[in-house]
Amino acid sequence: MKSEGIKIVATNRKAKHDYFLEDEYEAGMVLKGTEVKALRLGNANLKDSYAKIRDNEVFVYQMHIGVYPFANFENHDPTRTRKLLLKKHEIKRLIGKVVEKGYSLVPTNIYFRDGKAKITIALAKGKKKYDKRESIKKRDEQRERNKNLRGY
């Protein structure tokens, strides 16, 4: 995701550990001014956040955007529910998938593209405990292979 005009603010590293990520969608966010300024400072956390569809609109819950330190009384609530801006056909596709058993919407990245705050949400299926152990095992084997290739 590192290219011209993109500045990554926060990533949800726990999402790859807990879910099988399938489709990803880029969405805009409805934010207040102090939230945008706090994002520009890097005050964001996606650790326990999730997205849901309500009344044919997508909302993200528990996404923490820290308070802007230079704002006085007009600061925002850090974990308020925020609306995501997606196209109608994308929302319909998500509704169809989320109704299926085991699928959920998980935010994976927050970034700025050409000055606009964007979020990536992934259609995800939960991993079982043995799947998580398998992922850790594969990661460790790959790390060991790379270490041997370098000659350490």
N, C-alpha and C. Protein backbone atom coordinates (compact mmCIF):
# COMPACT_ATOMS: atom_id res chain seq x y z
N MET A 1 0.81 -1.21 0.00
CA MET A 1 0.00 0.00 0.00
C MET A 1 0.85 1.27 0.00
N LYS A 2 2.16 1.14 -0.05
CA LYS A 2 3.01 2.31 -0.06
C LYS A 2 3.18 2.79 -1.50
N SER A 3 2.48 3.84 -1.85
CA SER A 3 2.67 4.45 -3.16
C SER A 3 2.48 5.94 -3.00
N GLU A 4 2.54 6.64 -4.09
CA GLU A 4 2.42 8.09 -4.04
C GLU A 4 1.05 8.50 -3.53
N GLY A 5 1.02 9.46 -2.62
CA GLY A 5 -0.24 9.99 -2.14
C GLY A 5 -0.90 9.18 -1.05
N ILE A 6 -0.25 8.10 -0.57
CA ILE A 6 -0.85 7.27 0.49
C ILE A 6 0.02 7.34 1.73
N LYS A 7 -0.63 7.69 2.86
CA LYS A 7 0.05 7.72 4.16
C LYS A 7 -0.75 6.83 5.11
N ILE A 8 -0.15 5.70 5.50
CA ILE A 8 -0.84 4.76 6.38
C ILE A 8 -0.81 5.30 7.80
N VAL A 9 -1.98 5.33 8.44
CA VAL A 9 -2.12 5.84 9.80
C VAL A 9 -2.12 4.70 10.81
N ALA A 10 -2.93 3.65 10.56
CA ALA A 10 -3.03 2.53 11.49
C ALA A 10 -3.36 1.26 10.72
N THR A 11 -2.86 0.13 11.23
CA THR A 11 -3.19 -1.17 10.66
C THR A 11 -3.68 -2.09 11.78
N ASN A 12 -4.53 -3.02 11.41
CA ASN A 12 -5.07 -3.98 12.35
C ASN A 12 -4.33 -5.30 12.14
N ARG A 13 -3.20 -5.46 12.84
CA ARG A 13 -2.39 -6.66 12.67
C ARG A 13 -3.06 -7.88 13.27
N LYS A 14 -3.92 -7.67 14.24
CA LYS A 14 -4.63 -8.78 14.89
C LYS A 14 -5.64 -9.43 13.93
N ALA A 15 -6.10 -8.69 12.94
CA ALA A 15 -7.10 -9.21 12.00
C ALA A 15 -6.55 -10.39 11.21
N LYS A 16 -5.31 -10.33 10.75
CA LYS A 16 -4.73 -11.42 9.98
C LYS A 16 -4.53 -12.65 10.85
N HIS A 17 -4.35 -12.45 12.14
CA HIS A 17 -4.15 -13.57 13.06
C HIS A 17 -5.47 -14.25 13.40
N ASP A 18 -6.55 -13.48 13.53
CA ASP A 18 -7.82 -14.00 13.99
C ASP A 18 -8.78 -14.39 12.87
N TYR A 19 -8.54 -13.94 11.62
CA TYR A 19 -9.49 -14.15 10.54
C TYR A 19 -8.79 -14.56 9.26
N PHE A 20 -9.53 -15.26 8.39
CA PHE A 20 -9.13 -15.45 7.01
C PHE A 20 -9.72 -14.28 6.25
N LEU A 21 -8.88 -13.39 5.72
CA LEU A 21 -9.35 -12.20 5.02
C LEU A 21 -9.57 -12.54 3.55
N GLU A 22 -10.77 -12.28 3.05
CA GLU A 22 -11.08 -12.64 1.67
C GLU A 22 -11.13 -11.41 0.77
N ASP A 23 -12.24 -10.69 0.73
CA ASP A 23 -12.35 -9.50 -0.12
C ASP A 23 -12.08 -8.26 0.70
N GLU A 24 -11.42 -7.28 0.07
CA GLU A 24 -11.18 -6.00 0.73
C GLU A 24 -11.88 -4.89 -0.04
N TYR A 25 -12.42 -3.94 0.71
CA TYR A 25 -13.12 -2.79 0.12
C TYR A 25 -12.54 -1.52 0.72
N GLU A 26 -12.35 -0.52 -0.14
CA GLU A 26 -11.91 0.79 0.31
C GLU A 26 -13.14 1.66 0.52
N ALA A 27 -13.21 2.32 1.67
CA ALA A 27 -14.36 3.16 1.98
C ALA A 27 -13.89 4.48 2.55
N GLY A 28 -14.68 5.51 2.29
CA GLY A 28 -14.46 6.79 2.94
C GLY A 28 -15.12 6.76 4.31
N MET A 29 -14.83 7.75 5.14
CA MET A 29 -15.41 7.81 6.47
C MET A 29 -16.03 9.18 6.70
N VAL A 30 -17.12 9.20 7.45
CA VAL A 30 -17.73 10.46 7.86
C VAL A 30 -17.08 10.84 9.18
N LEU A 31 -16.25 11.89 9.16
CA LEU A 31 -15.47 12.27 10.34
C LEU A 31 -15.71 13.73 10.69
N LYS A 32 -15.43 14.06 11.94
CA LYS A 32 -15.43 15.45 12.40
C LYS A 32 -14.04 16.03 12.18
N GLY A 33 -13.94 17.34 12.26
CA GLY A 33 -12.66 17.99 12.01
C GLY A 33 -11.56 17.58 12.97
N THR A 34 -11.90 17.44 14.26
CA THR A 34 -10.88 17.06 15.23
C THR A 34 -10.43 15.61 15.02
N GLU A 35 -11.32 14.78 14.46
CA GLU A 35 -10.93 13.39 14.18
C GLU A 35 -9.92 13.33 13.04
N VAL A 36 -10.13 14.15 12.03
CA VAL A 36 -9.19 14.18 10.90
C VAL A 36 -7.82 14.67 11.38
N LYS A 37 -7.83 15.71 12.21
CA LYS A 37 -6.56 16.24 12.72
C LYS A 37 -5.85 15.22 13.60
N ALA A 38 -6.60 14.49 14.42
CA ALA A 38 -6.00 13.45 15.26
C ALA A 38 -5.44 12.31 14.40
N LEU A 39 -6.14 11.98 13.31
CA LEU A 39 -5.64 10.95 12.40
C LEU A 39 -4.33 11.38 11.75
N ARG A 40 -4.25 12.64 11.38
CA ARG A 40 -3.02 13.14 10.78
C ARG A 40 -1.83 13.03 11.73
N LEU A 41 -2.12 13.10 13.04
CA LEU A 41 -1.06 12.91 14.05
C LEU A 41 -0.78 11.44 14.31
N GLY A 42 -1.61 10.54 13.79
CA GLY A 42 -1.41 9.11 13.98
C GLY A 42 -2.10 8.54 15.20
N ASN A 43 -3.08 9.25 15.75
CA ASN A 43 -3.78 8.80 16.95
C ASN A 43 -4.96 7.92 16.58
N ALA A 44 -4.70 6.68 16.17
CA ALA A 44 -5.79 5.77 15.80
C ALA A 44 -5.41 4.35 16.20
N ASN A 45 -6.45 3.56 16.51
CA ASN A 45 -6.24 2.17 16.89
C ASN A 45 -7.42 1.34 16.37
N LEU A 46 -7.12 0.26 15.67
CA LEU A 46 -8.16 -0.60 15.09
C LEU A 46 -8.26 -1.95 15.80
N LYS A 47 -7.62 -2.10 16.94
CA LYS A 47 -7.46 -3.42 17.56
C LYS A 47 -8.76 -4.18 17.76
N ASP A 48 -9.75 -3.62 18.38
CA ASP A 48 -11.00 -4.35 18.67
C ASP A 48 -12.17 -3.83 17.84
N SER A 49 -11.89 -3.19 16.73
CA SER A 49 -12.96 -2.59 15.94
C SER A 49 -13.60 -3.62 15.01
N TYR A 50 -14.84 -3.33 14.63
CA TYR A 50 -15.58 -4.19 13.71
C TYR A 50 -16.58 -3.31 12.97
N ALA A 51 -17.09 -3.84 11.85
CA ALA A 51 -18.06 -3.10 11.05
C ALA A 51 -19.34 -3.92 10.95
N LYS A 52 -20.46 -3.22 10.89
CA LYS A 52 -21.77 -3.85 10.74
C LYS A 52 -22.59 -3.08 9.72
N ILE A 53 -23.57 -3.77 9.14
CA ILE A 53 -24.49 -3.13 8.20
C ILE A 53 -25.81 -2.91 8.92
N ARG A 54 -26.26 -1.66 8.91
CA ARG A 54 -27.51 -1.30 9.57
C ARG A 54 -28.28 -0.37 8.64
N ASP A 55 -29.50 -0.74 8.28
CA ASP A 55 -30.35 0.06 7.39
C ASP A 55 -29.67 0.36 6.06
N ASN A 56 -29.07 -0.65 5.45
CA ASN A 56 -28.36 -0.52 4.17
C ASN A 56 -27.24 0.51 4.21
N GLU A 57 -26.64 0.71 5.38
CA GLU A 57 -25.47 1.56 5.54
C GLU A 57 -24.46 0.79 6.37
N VAL A 58 -23.18 1.07 6.16
CA VAL A 58 -22.12 0.38 6.88
C VAL A 58 -21.55 1.32 7.94
N PHE A 59 -21.42 0.81 9.16
CA PHE A 59 -20.88 1.57 10.27
C PHE A 59 -19.72 0.80 10.88
N VAL A 60 -18.73 1.53 11.39
CA VAL A 60 -17.62 0.90 12.09
C VAL A 60 -17.75 1.25 13.58
N TYR A 61 -17.57 0.23 14.41
CA TYR A 61 -17.73 0.36 15.86
C TYR A 61 -16.39 0.13 16.55
N GLN A 62 -16.22 0.75 17.69
CA GLN A 62 -15.05 0.58 18.57
C GLN A 62 -13.73 0.95 17.91
N MET A 63 -13.75 1.75 16.87
CA MET A 63 -12.52 2.26 16.29
C MET A 63 -12.10 3.47 17.13
N HIS A 64 -10.92 3.41 17.67
CA HIS A 64 -10.47 4.46 18.58
C HIS A 64 -9.64 5.49 17.83
N ILE A 65 -10.13 6.71 17.80
CA ILE A 65 -9.37 7.85 17.29
C ILE A 65 -9.17 8.77 18.48
N GLY A 66 -7.94 8.91 18.93
CA GLY A 66 -7.64 9.70 20.12
C GLY A 66 -8.07 11.15 19.98
N VAL A 67 -8.23 11.81 21.12
CA VAL A 67 -8.65 13.21 21.11
C VAL A 67 -7.52 14.07 20.54
N TYR A 68 -7.91 15.14 19.89
CA TYR A 68 -6.95 16.08 19.33
C TYR A 68 -6.47 16.98 20.46
N PRO A 69 -5.18 17.00 20.75
CA PRO A 69 -4.70 17.71 21.95
C PRO A 69 -4.88 19.23 21.90
N PHE A 70 -5.00 19.82 20.72
CA PHE A 70 -5.07 21.28 20.63
C PHE A 70 -6.50 21.79 20.54
N ALA A 71 -7.48 20.90 20.58
CA ALA A 71 -8.89 21.33 20.57
C ALA A 71 -9.32 21.53 22.02
N ASN A 72 -10.24 22.43 22.23
CA ASN A 72 -10.67 22.70 23.60
C ASN A 72 -11.96 21.94 23.92
N PHE A 73 -13.08 22.56 23.94
CA PHE A 73 -14.33 21.94 24.36
C PHE A 73 -15.05 21.21 23.23
N GLU A 74 -14.64 21.37 22.00
CA GLU A 74 -15.34 20.76 20.87
C GLU A 74 -14.66 19.48 20.39
N ASN A 75 -14.02 18.75 21.30
CA ASN A 75 -13.37 17.50 20.92
C ASN A 75 -14.41 16.40 20.72
N HIS A 76 -14.01 15.33 20.08
CA HIS A 76 -14.92 14.24 19.73
C HIS A 76 -14.82 13.10 20.75
N ASP A 77 -15.82 12.21 20.72
CA ASP A 77 -15.79 10.99 21.51
C ASP A 77 -14.86 10.00 20.80
N PRO A 78 -13.82 9.47 21.47
CA PRO A 78 -12.82 8.64 20.79
C PRO A 78 -13.36 7.36 20.16
N THR A 79 -14.39 6.75 20.73
CA THR A 79 -14.85 5.46 20.20
C THR A 79 -16.27 5.54 19.62
N ARG A 80 -16.65 6.69 19.13
CA ARG A 80 -18.01 6.83 18.60
C ARG A 80 -18.17 5.99 17.33
N THR A 81 -19.42 5.68 17.00
CA THR A 81 -19.74 4.93 15.78
C THR A 81 -19.59 5.86 14.58
N ARG A 82 -18.89 5.38 13.55
CA ARG A 82 -18.65 6.20 12.37
C ARG A 82 -19.22 5.53 11.13
N LYS A 83 -19.84 6.33 10.28
CA LYS A 83 -20.45 5.82 9.06
C LYS A 83 -19.37 5.69 7.98
N LEU A 84 -19.44 4.59 7.21
CA LEU A 84 -18.53 4.38 6.10
C LEU A 84 -19.25 4.65 4.80
N LEU A 85 -18.51 5.17 3.84
CA LEU A 85 -19.08 5.55 2.55
C LEU A 85 -18.65 4.53 1.50
N LEU A 86 -19.61 3.70 1.09
CA LEU A 86 -19.39 2.69 0.06
C LEU A 86 -20.43 2.86 -1.04
N LYS A 87 -20.15 2.28 -2.20
CA LYS A 87 -21.13 2.32 -3.28
C LYS A 87 -22.25 1.33 -2.99
N LYS A 88 -23.41 1.61 -3.56
CA LYS A 88 -24.60 0.81 -3.28
C LYS A 88 -24.42 -0.66 -3.66
N HIS A 89 -23.79 -0.91 -4.80
CA HIS A 89 -23.60 -2.30 -5.22
C HIS A 89 -22.62 -3.03 -4.31
N GLU A 90 -21.64 -2.30 -3.76
CA GLU A 90 -20.72 -2.93 -2.81
C GLU A 90 -21.44 -3.30 -1.52
N ILE A 91 -22.31 -2.41 -1.05
CA ILE A 91 -23.07 -2.70 0.17
C ILE A 91 -23.98 -3.90 -0.03
N LYS A 92 -24.62 -3.98 -1.19
CA LYS A 92 -25.50 -5.12 -1.47
C LYS A 92 -24.70 -6.42 -1.50
N ARG A 93 -23.52 -6.40 -2.07
CA ARG A 93 -22.67 -7.58 -2.11
C ARG A 93 -22.26 -7.98 -0.68
N LEU A 94 -21.92 -6.97 0.13
CA LEU A 94 -21.55 -7.26 1.52
C LEU A 94 -22.72 -7.84 2.31
N ILE A 95 -23.91 -7.31 2.09
CA ILE A 95 -25.09 -7.83 2.79
C ILE A 95 -25.27 -9.31 2.45
N GLY A 96 -25.13 -9.65 1.17
CA GLY A 96 -25.27 -11.04 0.75
C GLY A 96 -24.25 -11.96 1.40
N LYS A 97 -23.01 -11.49 1.55
CA LYS A 97 -21.96 -12.31 2.13
C LYS A 97 -22.08 -12.41 3.65
N VAL A 98 -22.43 -11.30 4.31
CA VAL A 98 -22.50 -11.29 5.78
C VAL A 98 -23.64 -12.18 6.27
N VAL A 99 -24.71 -12.31 5.47
CA VAL A 99 -25.82 -13.17 5.85
C VAL A 99 -25.36 -14.63 5.90
N GLU A 100 -24.37 -14.99 5.06
CA GLU A 100 -23.82 -16.34 5.10
C GLU A 100 -23.20 -16.60 6.46
N LYS A 101 -23.11 -17.87 6.81
CA LYS A 101 -22.61 -18.24 8.13
C LYS A 101 -21.11 -17.95 8.28
N GLY A 102 -20.77 -17.26 9.34
CA GLY A 102 -19.38 -17.09 9.70
C GLY A 102 -18.67 -15.88 9.13
N TYR A 103 -19.29 -15.11 8.26
CA TYR A 103 -18.62 -13.94 7.69
C TYR A 103 -18.87 -12.71 8.54
N SER A 104 -17.84 -11.87 8.65
CA SER A 104 -17.99 -10.59 9.34
C SER A 104 -17.14 -9.55 8.62
N LEU A 105 -17.32 -8.30 8.99
CA LEU A 105 -16.57 -7.20 8.38
C LEU A 105 -15.55 -6.69 9.40
N VAL A 106 -14.29 -6.66 8.99
CA VAL A 106 -13.21 -6.28 9.88
C VAL A 106 -12.40 -5.15 9.24
N PRO A 107 -12.23 -4.01 9.93
CA PRO A 107 -11.36 -2.96 9.41
C PRO A 107 -9.90 -3.39 9.48
N THR A 108 -9.15 -3.17 8.40
CA THR A 108 -7.75 -3.59 8.39
C THR A 108 -6.76 -2.42 8.33
N ASN A 109 -7.09 -1.33 7.66
CA ASN A 109 -6.17 -0.19 7.54
C ASN A 109 -6.93 1.13 7.58
N ILE A 110 -6.27 2.14 8.12
CA ILE A 110 -6.71 3.53 7.97
C ILE A 110 -5.55 4.26 7.31
N TYR A 111 -5.86 5.04 6.28
CA TYR A 111 -4.80 5.76 5.58
C TYR A 111 -5.38 7.00 4.92
N PHE A 112 -4.48 7.86 4.48
CA PHE A 112 -4.87 9.04 3.71
C PHE A 112 -4.46 8.82 2.26
N ARG A 113 -5.41 8.96 1.35
CA ARG A 113 -5.13 8.89 -0.08
C ARG A 113 -5.47 10.25 -0.67
N ASP A 114 -4.48 10.93 -1.17
CA ASP A 114 -4.64 12.26 -1.77
C ASP A 114 -5.36 13.21 -0.81
N GLY A 115 -5.03 13.13 0.47
CA GLY A 115 -5.57 14.04 1.47
C GLY A 115 -6.90 13.64 2.06
N LYS A 116 -7.47 12.52 1.62
CA LYS A 116 -8.77 12.08 2.13
C LYS A 116 -8.57 10.83 2.98
N ALA A 117 -9.24 10.79 4.14
CA ALA A 117 -9.14 9.65 5.04
C ALA A 117 -9.93 8.48 4.48
N LYS A 118 -9.29 7.34 4.40
CA LYS A 118 -9.91 6.12 3.87
C LYS A 118 -9.69 4.99 4.86
N ILE A 119 -10.58 3.99 4.78
CA ILE A 119 -10.45 2.80 5.61
C ILE A 119 -10.65 1.59 4.70
N THR A 120 -9.90 0.54 4.96
CA THR A 120 -10.06 -0.71 4.23
C THR A 120 -10.78 -1.69 5.15
N ILE A 121 -11.92 -2.21 4.68
CA ILE A 121 -12.60 -3.24 5.45
C ILE A 121 -12.53 -4.53 4.66
N ALA A 122 -12.37 -5.63 5.38
CA ALA A 122 -12.23 -6.93 4.74
C ALA A 122 -13.39 -7.83 5.13
N LEU A 123 -13.85 -8.60 4.17
CA LEU A 123 -14.82 -9.64 4.44
C LEU A 123 -14.03 -10.81 5.00
N ALA A 124 -14.32 -11.20 6.24
CA ALA A 124 -13.46 -12.14 6.94
C ALA A 124 -14.25 -13.29 7.52
N LYS A 125 -13.60 -14.43 7.60
CA LYS A 125 -14.16 -15.61 8.23
C LYS A 125 -13.26 -15.96 9.40
N GLY A 126 -13.86 -16.20 10.56
CA GLY A 126 -13.09 -16.44 11.78
C GLY A 126 -12.26 -17.71 11.72
N LYS A 127 -11.05 -17.64 12.32
CA LYS A 127 -10.18 -18.81 12.41
C LYS A 127 -10.46 -19.57 13.70
N LYS A 128 -10.33 -20.86 13.63
CA LYS A 128 -10.37 -21.69 14.83
C LYS A 128 -8.99 -21.67 15.47
N LYS A 129 -8.89 -22.19 16.69
CA LYS A 129 -7.63 -22.16 17.41
C LYS A 129 -6.54 -22.93 16.66
N TYR A 130 -6.90 -24.08 16.06
CA TYR A 130 -5.90 -24.87 15.34
C TYR A 130 -5.45 -24.16 14.07
N ASP A 131 -6.32 -23.35 13.45
CA ASP A 131 -5.91 -22.57 12.28
C ASP A 131 -4.88 -21.52 12.68
N LYS A 132 -5.08 -20.90 13.84
CA LYS A 132 -4.12 -19.88 14.32
C LYS A 132 -2.77 -20.53 14.58
N ARG A 133 -2.78 -21.71 15.19
CA ARG A 133 -1.50 -22.40 15.45
C ARG A 133 -0.81 -22.76 14.15
N GLU A 134 -1.58 -23.18 13.14
CA GLU A 134 -1.01 -23.51 11.84
C GLU A 134 -0.37 -22.28 11.20
N SER A 135 -1.03 -21.12 11.31
CA SER A 135 -0.47 -19.88 10.75
C SER A 135 0.84 -19.51 11.43
N ILE A 136 0.88 -19.67 12.75
CA ILE A 136 2.11 -19.36 13.50
C ILE A 136 3.22 -20.31 13.09
N LYS A 137 2.89 -21.59 12.90
CA LYS A 137 3.87 -22.58 12.51
C LYS A 137 4.45 -22.25 11.13
N LYS A 138 3.59 -21.89 10.16
CA LYS A 138 4.06 -21.53 8.82
C LYS A 138 4.94 -20.29 8.85
N ARG A 139 4.54 -19.31 9.66
CA ARG A 139 5.33 -18.08 9.77
C ARG A 139 6.71 -18.38 10.34
N ASP A 140 6.78 -19.21 11.38
CA ASP A 140 8.06 -19.55 11.98
C ASP A 140 8.94 -20.34 11.02
N GLU A 141 8.35 -21.26 10.26
CA GLU A 141 9.13 -22.02 9.28
C GLU A 141 9.68 -21.10 8.20
N GLN A 142 8.87 -20.15 7.73
CA GLN A 142 9.34 -19.20 6.72
C GLN A 142 10.47 -18.33 7.27
N ARG A 143 10.34 -17.90 8.50
CA ARG A 143 11.39 -17.09 9.13
C ARG A 143 12.68 -17.89 9.23
N GLU A 144 12.57 -19.17 9.60
CA GLU A 144 13.75 -20.03 9.71
C GLU A 144 14.41 -20.23 8.35
N ARG A 145 13.60 -20.43 7.29
CA ARG A 145 14.14 -20.58 5.94
C ARG A 145 14.89 -19.33 5.50
N ASN A 146 14.31 -18.18 5.76
CA ASN A 146 14.96 -16.92 5.37
C ASN A 146 16.27 -16.73 6.14
N LYS A 147 16.26 -17.13 7.39
CA LYS A 147 17.46 -17.00 8.22
C LYS A 147 18.58 -17.90 7.67
N ASN A 148 18.23 -19.11 7.26
CA ASN A 148 19.23 -20.04 6.70
C ASN A 148 19.76 -19.54 5.35
N LEU A 149 18.91 -18.91 4.55
CA LEU A 149 19.36 -18.39 3.25
C LEU A 149 20.36 -17.25 3.42
N ARG A 150 20.16 -16.45 4.46
CA ARG A 150 21.08 -15.34 4.70
C ARG A 150 22.39 -15.81 5.31
N GLY A 151 22.41 -17.03 5.85
CA GLY A 151 23.65 -17.57 6.39
C GLY A 151 23.88 -17.28 7.86
N TYR A 152 22.85 -17.02 8.61
CA TYR A 152 23.02 -16.75 10.04
C TYR A 152 23.00 -18.02 10.82
